[in-house]
C-alpha atoms as a PDB file:
ATOM      1  CA  MET A   1     131.942 128.956 246.876  1.00  0.00           C
ATOM      2  CA  THR A   2     132.011 125.592 244.719  1.00  0.00           C
ATOM      3  CA  THR A   3     130.011 122.905 245.683  1.00  0.00           C
ATOM      4  CA  ASP A   4     133.317 120.715 246.703  1.00  0.00           C
ATOM      5  CA  ALA A   5     134.635 123.014 249.008  1.00  0.00           C
ATOM      6  CA  LYS A   6     135.064 121.391 252.625  1.00  0.00           C
ATOM      7  CA  ARG A   7     132.712 122.354 255.323  1.00  0.00           C
ATOM      8  CA  ILE A   8     133.795 123.701 258.718  1.00  0.00           C
ATOM      9  CA  ASP A   9     131.977 124.620 261.904  1.00  0.00           C
ATOM     10  CA  VAL A  10     132.428 128.102 263.278  1.00  0.00           C
ATOM     11  CA  ARG A  11     132.186 128.878 266.912  1.00  0.00           C
ATOM     12  CA  TYR A  12     132.115 132.670 267.996  1.00  0.00           C
ATOM     13  CA  THR A  13     132.312 133.191 271.835  1.00  0.00           C
ATOM     14  CA  PRO A  14     132.521 136.817 272.936  1.00  0.00           C
ATOM     15  CA  MET A  15     134.813 136.009 275.873  1.00  0.00           C
ATOM     16  CA  LEU A  16     136.378 132.897 276.855  1.00  0.00           C
ATOM     17  CA  GLY A  17     138.944 131.909 279.325  1.00  0.00           C
ATOM     18  CA  TYR A  18     142.310 130.909 277.833  1.00  0.00           C
ATOM     19  CA  ALA A  19     142.395 127.409 280.003  1.00  0.00           C
ATOM     20  CA  GLU A  20     139.002 126.598 278.834  1.00  0.00           C
ATOM     21  CA  ALA A  21     139.874 127.514 275.223  1.00  0.00           C
ATOM     22  CA  TRP A  22     143.239 125.558 275.179  1.00  0.00           C
ATOM     23  CA  ASP A  23     141.173 122.343 276.777  1.00  0.00           C
ATOM     24  CA  LEU A  24     138.547 122.732 273.823  1.00  0.00           C
ATOM     25  CA  GLN A  25     141.199 122.896 271.383  1.00  0.00           C
ATOM     26  CA  LYS A  26     142.762 119.931 272.393  1.00  0.00           C
ATOM     27  CA  ALA A  27     139.397 118.023 272.508  1.00  0.00           C
ATOM     28  CA  TYR A  28     138.591 119.396 268.857  1.00  0.00           C
ATOM     29  CA  VAL A  29     141.811 118.144 267.652  1.00  0.00           C
ATOM     30  CA  LYS A  30     141.437 114.790 268.889  1.00  0.00           C
ATOM     31  CA  GLN A  31     137.851 114.549 267.680  1.00  0.00           C
ATOM     32  CA  ILE A  32     138.966 115.982 264.311  1.00  0.00           C
ATOM     33  CA  ASP A  33     141.560 113.604 264.132  1.00  0.00           C
ATOM     34  CA  LYS A  34     139.214 110.722 264.828  1.00  0.00           C
ATOM     35  CA  GLU A  35     136.585 112.136 261.965  1.00  0.00           C
ATOM     36  CA  GLU A  36     134.139 112.550 264.941  1.00  0.00           C
ATOM     37  CA  ARG A  37     133.798 116.185 264.555  1.00  0.00           C
ATOM     38  CA  ARG A  38     134.204 118.743 261.445  1.00  0.00           C
ATOM     39  CA  GLU A  39     137.185 120.925 261.029  1.00  0.00           C
ATOM     40  CA  THR A  40     136.339 124.069 263.241  1.00  0.00           C
ATOM     41  CA  LEU A  41     137.208 127.603 263.394  1.00  0.00           C
ATOM     42  CA  LEU A  42     136.893 128.902 266.851  1.00  0.00           C
ATOM     43  CA  LEU A  43     136.626 132.816 267.241  1.00  0.00           C
ATOM     44  CA  LEU A  44     136.745 134.664 270.391  1.00  0.00           C
ATOM     45  CA  GLN A  45     138.292 137.021 272.658  1.00  0.00           C
ATOM     46  CA  HIS A  46     140.155 136.370 276.042  1.00  0.00           C
ATOM     47  CA  PRO A  47     140.548 137.940 279.239  1.00  0.00           C
ATOM     48  CA  PRO A  48     144.097 139.781 279.994  1.00  0.00           C
ATOM     49  CA  THR A  49     146.619 136.758 279.469  1.00  0.00           C
ATOM     50  CA  TYR A  50     150.131 136.292 278.266  1.00  0.00           C
ATOM     51  CA  THR A  51     151.322 133.051 276.838  1.00  0.00           C
ATOM     52  CA  VAL A  52     154.514 131.879 276.549  1.00  0.00           C
ATOM     53  CA  GLY A  53     155.274 129.109 273.460  1.00  0.00           C
ATOM     54  CA  SER A  54     158.094 127.042 272.826  1.00  0.00           C
ATOM     55  CA  GLN A  55     160.888 129.127 272.787  1.00  0.00           C
ATOM     56  CA  ARG A  56     160.616 130.122 276.238  1.00  0.00           C
ATOM     57  CA  HIS A  57     162.333 133.700 276.948  1.00  0.00           C
ATOM     58  CA  PRO A  58     161.269 134.318 280.419  1.00  0.00           C
ATOM     59  CA  GLU A  59     163.055 137.655 280.254  1.00  0.00           C
ATOM     60  CA  HIS A  60     160.896 138.990 277.650  1.00  0.00           C
ATOM     61  CA  LEU A  61     158.054 138.893 280.452  1.00  0.00           C
ATOM     62  CA  LEU A  62     158.758 142.200 282.366  1.00  0.00           C
ATOM     63  CA  TYR A  63     155.888 142.094 284.949  1.00  0.00           C
ATOM     64  CA  SER A  64     156.537 140.266 288.258  1.00  0.00           C
ATOM     65  CA  GLU A  65     154.311 137.793 289.521  1.00  0.00           C
ATOM     66  CA  GLU A  66     152.919 140.503 291.933  1.00  0.00           C
ATOM     67  CA  GLU A  67     152.399 142.843 289.202  1.00  0.00           C
ATOM     68  CA  LEU A  68     150.492 140.294 287.348  1.00  0.00           C
ATOM     69  CA  ALA A  69     148.178 139.477 289.945  1.00  0.00           C
ATOM     70  CA  ALA A  70     147.727 143.226 290.730  1.00  0.00           C
ATOM     71  CA  ARG A  71     146.957 143.854 287.119  1.00  0.00           C
ATOM     72  CA  GLY A  72     144.771 140.496 286.576  1.00  0.00           C
ATOM     73  CA  ILE A  73     146.622 138.952 283.757  1.00  0.00           C
ATOM     74  CA  GLY A  74     146.825 135.130 283.474  1.00  0.00           C
ATOM     75  CA  LEU A  75     150.147 133.630 282.314  1.00  0.00           C
ATOM     76  CA  PHE A  76     150.358 130.133 280.358  1.00  0.00           C
ATOM     77  CA  GLN A  77     153.167 128.112 279.199  1.00  0.00           C
ATOM     78  CA  ILE A  78     151.605 126.700 276.070  1.00  0.00           C
ATOM     79  CA  ASP A  79     152.460 124.374 273.212  1.00  0.00           C
ATOM     80  CA  ARG A  80     152.552 126.487 270.232  1.00  0.00           C
ATOM     81  CA  GLY A  81     155.562 127.628 268.582  1.00  0.00           C
ATOM     82  CA  GLY A  82     156.754 131.313 269.081  1.00  0.00           C
ATOM     83  CA  ASP A  83     157.745 133.528 272.071  1.00  0.00           C
ATOM     84  CA  ILE A  84     155.301 135.501 274.640  1.00  0.00           C
ATOM     85  CA  THR A  85     152.338 137.449 273.358  1.00  0.00           C
ATOM     86  CA  TYR A  86     149.415 139.169 274.842  1.00  0.00           C
ATOM     87  CA  HIS A  87     145.506 138.315 274.494  1.00  0.00           C
ATOM     88  CA  GLY A  88     142.989 140.566 275.775  1.00  0.00           C
ATOM     89  CA  PRO A  89     139.382 142.226 275.295  1.00  0.00           C
ATOM     90  CA  GLY A  90     139.642 144.166 271.960  1.00  0.00           C
ATOM     91  CA  GLN A  91     141.352 141.432 270.093  1.00  0.00           C
ATOM     92  CA  LEU A  92     140.185 138.862 267.705  1.00  0.00           C
ATOM     93  CA  VAL A  93     141.951 135.396 268.460  1.00  0.00           C
ATOM     94  CA  GLY A  94     141.272 133.067 266.113  1.00  0.00           C
ATOM     95  CA  TYR A  95     142.246 129.198 266.367  1.00  0.00           C
ATOM     96  CA  PRO A  96     141.458 127.428 263.104  1.00  0.00           C
ATOM     97  CA  LEU A  97     141.147 123.463 263.930  1.00  0.00           C
ATOM     98  CA  LEU A  98     142.029 121.822 260.168  1.00  0.00           C
ATOM     99  CA  TYR A  99     143.368 118.886 259.187  1.00  0.00           C
ATOM    100  CA  LEU A 100     146.057 118.974 256.661  1.00  0.00           C
ATOM    101  CA  ASP A 101     146.662 116.173 254.460  1.00  0.00           C
ATOM    102  CA  GLY A 102     149.849 114.940 254.645  1.00  0.00           C
ATOM    103  CA  ALA A 103     149.964 114.209 250.818  1.00  0.00           C
ATOM    104  CA  ASN A 104     149.744 117.896 250.314  1.00  0.00           C
ATOM    105  CA  LEU A 105     151.513 119.204 253.202  1.00  0.00           C
ATOM    106  CA  ASP A 106     152.979 122.836 253.079  1.00  0.00           C
ATOM    107  CA  LEU A 107     153.394 123.894 256.798  1.00  0.00           C
ATOM    108  CA  HIS A 108     154.929 127.564 256.100  1.00  0.00           C
ATOM    109  CA  GLY A 109     152.280 127.756 253.153  1.00  0.00           C
ATOM    110  CA  TYR A 110     149.312 127.320 256.155  1.00  0.00           C
ATOM    111  CA  LEU A 111     151.066 130.452 258.136  1.00  0.00           C
ATOM    112  CA  ARG A 112     151.005 132.574 254.888  1.00  0.00           C
ATOM    113  CA  GLN A 113     147.399 131.456 254.067  1.00  0.00           C
ATOM    114  CA  LEU A 114     146.662 132.990 257.673  1.00  0.00           C
ATOM    115  CA  GLU A 115     148.619 136.146 256.984  1.00  0.00           C
ATOM    116  CA  GLN A 116     146.777 136.523 253.572  1.00  0.00           C
ATOM    117  CA  ALA A 117     143.520 136.351 255.075  1.00  0.00           C
ATOM    118  CA  ILE A 118     144.178 139.353 257.272  1.00  0.00           C
ATOM    119  CA  ILE A 119     146.077 140.960 254.687  1.00  0.00           C
ATOM    120  CA  ASP A 120     143.038 140.892 252.227  1.00  0.00           C
ATOM    121  CA  TRP A 121     140.779 142.132 255.163  1.00  0.00           C
ATOM    122  CA  LEU A 122     142.904 145.153 256.024  1.00  0.00           C
ATOM    123  CA  ALA A 123     143.086 145.835 252.104  1.00  0.00           C
ATOM    124  CA  GLY A 124     139.090 146.330 252.168  1.00  0.00           C
ATOM    125  CA  TYR A 125     139.810 149.256 254.297  1.00  0.00           C
ATOM    126  CA  GLY A 126     142.683 150.705 252.238  1.00  0.00           C
ATOM    127  CA  ILE A 127     145.245 149.476 254.623  1.00  0.00           C
ATOM    128  CA  GLU A 128     148.285 147.631 252.942  1.00  0.00           C
ATOM    129  CA  GLY A 129     149.139 145.092 255.263  1.00  0.00           C
ATOM    130  CA  GLY A 130     152.696 143.217 254.690  1.00  0.00           C
ATOM    131  CA  ARG A 131     155.144 140.700 255.953  1.00  0.00           C
ATOM    132  CA  LYS A 132     158.485 140.852 257.120  1.00  0.00           C
ATOM    133  CA  PRO A 133     160.448 137.946 256.124  1.00  0.00           C
ATOM    134  CA  GLU A 134     161.881 137.221 259.583  1.00  0.00           C
ATOM    135  CA  TYR A 135     158.762 137.520 261.187  1.00  0.00           C
ATOM    136  CA  THR A 136     155.408 135.217 261.131  1.00  0.00           C
ATOM    137  CA  GLY A 137     152.584 137.912 261.551  1.00  0.00           C
ATOM    138  CA  VAL A 138     151.113 140.876 259.786  1.00  0.00           C
ATOM    139  CA  TRP A 139     152.279 144.126 259.636  1.00  0.00           C
ATOM    140  CA  VAL A 140     151.242 147.896 259.129  1.00  0.00           C
ATOM    141  CA  GLY A 141     154.598 149.421 257.735  1.00  0.00           C
ATOM    142  CA  ASP A 142     156.892 148.641 261.013  1.00  0.00           C
ATOM    143  CA  GLU A 143     153.977 147.963 263.631  1.00  0.00           C
ATOM    144  CA  LYS A 144     152.575 144.634 264.083  1.00  0.00           C
ATOM    145  CA  ILE A 145     148.807 144.392 263.637  1.00  0.00           C
ATOM    146  CA  ALA A 146     148.405 140.240 264.024  1.00  0.00           C
ATOM    147  CA  ALA A 147     150.487 137.629 265.832  1.00  0.00           C
ATOM    148  CA  ILE A 148     150.499 134.470 264.768  1.00  0.00           C
ATOM    149  CA  GLY A 149     151.790 131.170 266.482  1.00  0.00           C
ATOM    150  CA  VAL A 150     150.536 127.384 265.854  1.00  0.00           C
ATOM    151  CA  LYS A 151     150.996 124.041 266.681  1.00  0.00           C
ATOM    152  CA  PHE A 152     150.810 120.954 264.053  1.00  0.00           C
ATOM    153  CA  ASN A 153     149.438 118.071 265.849  1.00  0.00           C
ATOM    154  CA  LYS A 154     150.512 114.581 264.016  1.00  0.00           C
ATOM    155  CA  ALA A 155     147.310 113.060 263.273  1.00  0.00           C
ATOM    156  CA  ARG A 156     146.896 109.238 264.625  1.00  0.00           C
ATOM    157  CA  THR A 157     144.427 107.731 262.421  1.00  0.00           C
ATOM    158  CA  ARG A 158     145.315 109.292 259.113  1.00  0.00           C
ATOM    159  CA  ARG A 159     148.551 110.550 257.292  1.00  0.00           C
ATOM    160  CA  GLY A 160     148.876 114.556 258.097  1.00  0.00           C
ATOM    161  CA  PHE A 161     148.295 117.113 260.944  1.00  0.00           C
ATOM    162  CA  VAL A 162     145.727 118.997 262.493  1.00  0.00           C
ATOM    163  CA  THR A 163     146.287 122.425 263.644  1.00  0.00           C
ATOM    164  CA  SER A 164     145.647 124.248 266.782  1.00  0.00           C
ATOM    165  CA  HIS A 165     146.020 127.808 268.181  1.00  0.00           C
ATOM    166  CA  GLY A 166     146.273 130.498 265.227  1.00  0.00           C
ATOM    167  CA  PHE A 167     146.309 134.361 264.908  1.00  0.00           C
ATOM    168  CA  ALA A 168     145.617 137.425 267.207  1.00  0.00           C
ATOM    169  CA  LEU A 169     144.392 140.180 265.284  1.00  0.00           C
ATOM    170  CA  ASN A 170     144.487 143.835 267.212  1.00  0.00           C
ATOM    171  CA  ILE A 171     140.996 145.863 266.672  1.00  0.00           C
ATOM    172  CA  LYS A 172     140.576 148.088 269.548  1.00  0.00           C
ATOM    173  CA  ALA A 173     142.339 151.515 270.260  1.00  0.00           C
ATOM    174  CA  GLY A 174     145.378 151.629 272.832  1.00  0.00           C
ATOM    175  CA  ILE A 175     145.520 147.824 272.935  1.00  0.00           C
ATOM    176  CA  ALA A 176     149.398 148.120 272.724  1.00  0.00           C
ATOM    177  CA  GLN A 177     149.308 150.200 276.072  1.00  0.00           C
ATOM    178  CA  ASP A 178     146.650 147.863 277.724  1.00  0.00           C
ATOM    179  CA  GLY A 179     148.865 144.753 277.584  1.00  0.00           C
ATOM    180  CA  PHE A 180     151.674 144.819 275.356  1.00  0.00           C
ATOM    181  CA  ARG A 181     153.737 147.061 277.611  1.00  0.00           C
ATOM    182  CA  GLY A 182     154.343 144.042 280.238  1.00  0.00           C
ATOM    183  CA  ILE A 183     156.000 141.699 277.571  1.00  0.00           C
ATOM    184  CA  ILE A 184     158.642 142.192 274.563  1.00  0.00           C
ATOM    185  CA  PRO A 185     156.007 141.058 272.160  1.00  0.00           C
ATOM    186  CA  CYS A 186     157.229 137.712 270.198  1.00  0.00           C
ATOM    187  CA  GLY A 187     160.956 138.976 271.603  1.00  0.00           C
ATOM    188  CA  ILE A 188     160.680 141.618 268.873  1.00  0.00           C
ATOM    189  CA  GLN A 189     162.187 144.871 270.369  1.00  0.00           C
ATOM    190  CA  ASP A 190     162.913 146.924 267.045  1.00  0.00           C
ATOM    191  CA  TYR A 191     159.022 147.629 266.278  1.00  0.00           C
ATOM    192  CA  ALA A 192     155.851 148.204 267.837  1.00  0.00           C
ATOM    193  CA  VAL A 193     152.463 146.955 268.191  1.00  0.00           C
ATOM    194  CA  THR A 194     149.522 148.564 266.593  1.00  0.00           C
ATOM    195  CA  SER A 195     145.736 148.086 266.247  1.00  0.00           C
ATOM    196  CA  PHE A 196     143.032 148.542 263.696  1.00  0.00           C
ATOM    197  CA  ALA A 197     141.527 151.468 265.268  1.00  0.00           C
ATOM    198  CA  ASP A 198     144.907 152.944 265.835  1.00  0.00           C
ATOM    199  CA  VAL A 199     145.804 152.898 262.282  1.00  0.00           C
ATOM    200  CA  THR A 200     142.409 153.887 260.909  1.00  0.00           C
ATOM    201  CA  GLY A 201     140.356 155.737 263.711  1.00  0.00           C
ATOM    202  CA  ILE A 202     137.130 153.171 263.019  1.00  0.00           C
ATOM    203  CA  HIS A 203     136.122 151.294 265.707  1.00  0.00           C
ATOM    204  CA  LEU A 204     134.855 148.014 264.789  1.00  0.00           C
ATOM    205  CA  THR A 205     133.563 145.623 267.498  1.00  0.00           C
ATOM    206  CA  VAL A 206     135.392 142.170 267.718  1.00  0.00           C
ATOM    207  CA  GLU A 207     132.140 140.428 266.764  1.00  0.00           C
ATOM    208  CA  GLN A 208     131.951 142.756 263.642  1.00  0.00           C
ATOM    209  CA  THR A 209     135.627 142.095 262.639  1.00  0.00           C
ATOM    210  CA  ALA A 210     134.936 138.359 262.821  1.00  0.00           C
ATOM    211  CA  VAL A 211     131.857 138.311 260.599  1.00  0.00           C
ATOM    212  CA  GLU A 212     134.165 140.690 258.068  1.00  0.00           C
ATOM    213  CA  LEU A 213     137.180 138.549 258.191  1.00  0.00           C
ATOM    214  CA  LEU A 214     135.415 135.000 257.765  1.00  0.00           C
ATOM    215  CA  PRO A 215     134.804 135.299 254.167  1.00  0.00           C
ATOM    216  CA  HIS A 216     138.366 135.808 253.688  1.00  0.00           C
ATOM    217  CA  PHE A 217     139.585 132.778 255.592  1.00  0.00           C
ATOM    218  CA  CYS A 218     137.043 130.717 253.758  1.00  0.00           C
ATOM    219  CA  ARG A 219     138.391 132.069 250.524  1.00  0.00           C
ATOM    220  CA  GLN A 220     141.938 131.267 251.461  1.00  0.00           C
ATOM    221  CA  PHE A 221     141.233 127.894 252.956  1.00  0.00           C
ATOM    222  CA  GLY A 222     138.645 126.745 250.398  1.00  0.00           C
ATOM    223  CA  CYS A 223     136.195 126.251 252.821  1.00  0.00           C
ATOM    224  CA  GLU A 224     132.595 127.133 253.411  1.00  0.00           C
ATOM    225  CA  VAL A 225     130.527 127.433 256.823  1.00  0.00           C
ATOM    226  CA  ALA A 226     128.623 124.496 257.709  1.00  0.00           C
ATOM    227  CA  GLU A 227     127.234 125.587 261.361  1.00  0.00           C
ATOM    228  CA  SER A 228     127.972 128.884 262.781  1.00  0.00           C
ATOM    229  CA  SER A 229     127.254 129.123 266.539  1.00  0.00           C
ATOM    230  CA  GLY A 230     127.000 132.791 268.069  1.00  0.00           C
ATOM    231  CA  LEU A 231     128.276 134.802 264.811  1.00  0.00           C
ATOM    232  CA  LEU A 232     126.032 137.184 263.271  1.00  0.00           C
ATOM    233  CA  GLU A 233     125.458 136.746 259.527  1.00  0.00           C
ATOM    234  CA  ASN A 234     125.190 140.265 258.955  1.00  0.00           C
ATOM    235  CA  PRO A 235     128.028 142.464 259.822  1.00  0.00           C
ATOM    236  CA  ALA A 236     125.546 145.472 259.853  1.00  0.00           C
ATOM    237  CA  ASP A 237     123.794 143.949 262.707  1.00  0.00           C
ATOM    238  CA  ALA A 238     126.976 143.816 264.931  1.00  0.00           C
ATOM    239  CA  HIS A 239     127.226 146.704 267.538  1.00  0.00           C
END
């Protein structure tokens, strides 16, 4: 990493409720805008949760309120782009809170960088991850392994945007059956959802995945880790 790389904070939380994480993002966005906090990458897992983005298609939620309560799945209408998706244990969720300078702004390029970090990580295991031109996210063949939905928050103290929300990378075997069966994920009916373990037969922890993905993220965004809270430095130490 070059010495002129920007430095970001990385915070790993094994499990964090969706409402708390959303509030944390909003607070950090304001602080980053005011240059009171370094840009930050939040890496975590959520308890079972459905989030509905700005496209708002209630018909893509297949469970009733009673079924949601019985299954212990939370439901949030949120301020990112996109449709409905699932978050739950066994999935690595990443929320990059980054300042994008208005002078060199490429919002579509930002999405492609998020995808590329995951594609590069998959390649390390011999998996060919790819894109579908009509959809955002990362695919293995015709199965989606990572969803991406972001918000660009207009900076108030300088020209540009601060990003929030981000990506959800499926790691655990069977996650498609665990939570995705209750929705039409991202409104896509033609393709299925998969996970790293389902594709490879390798069972990584979410924490180990976070450690391994981080260098690919930093490479894409030209950054280095200033401070790391709760994230192991050595992937071999993650169990």
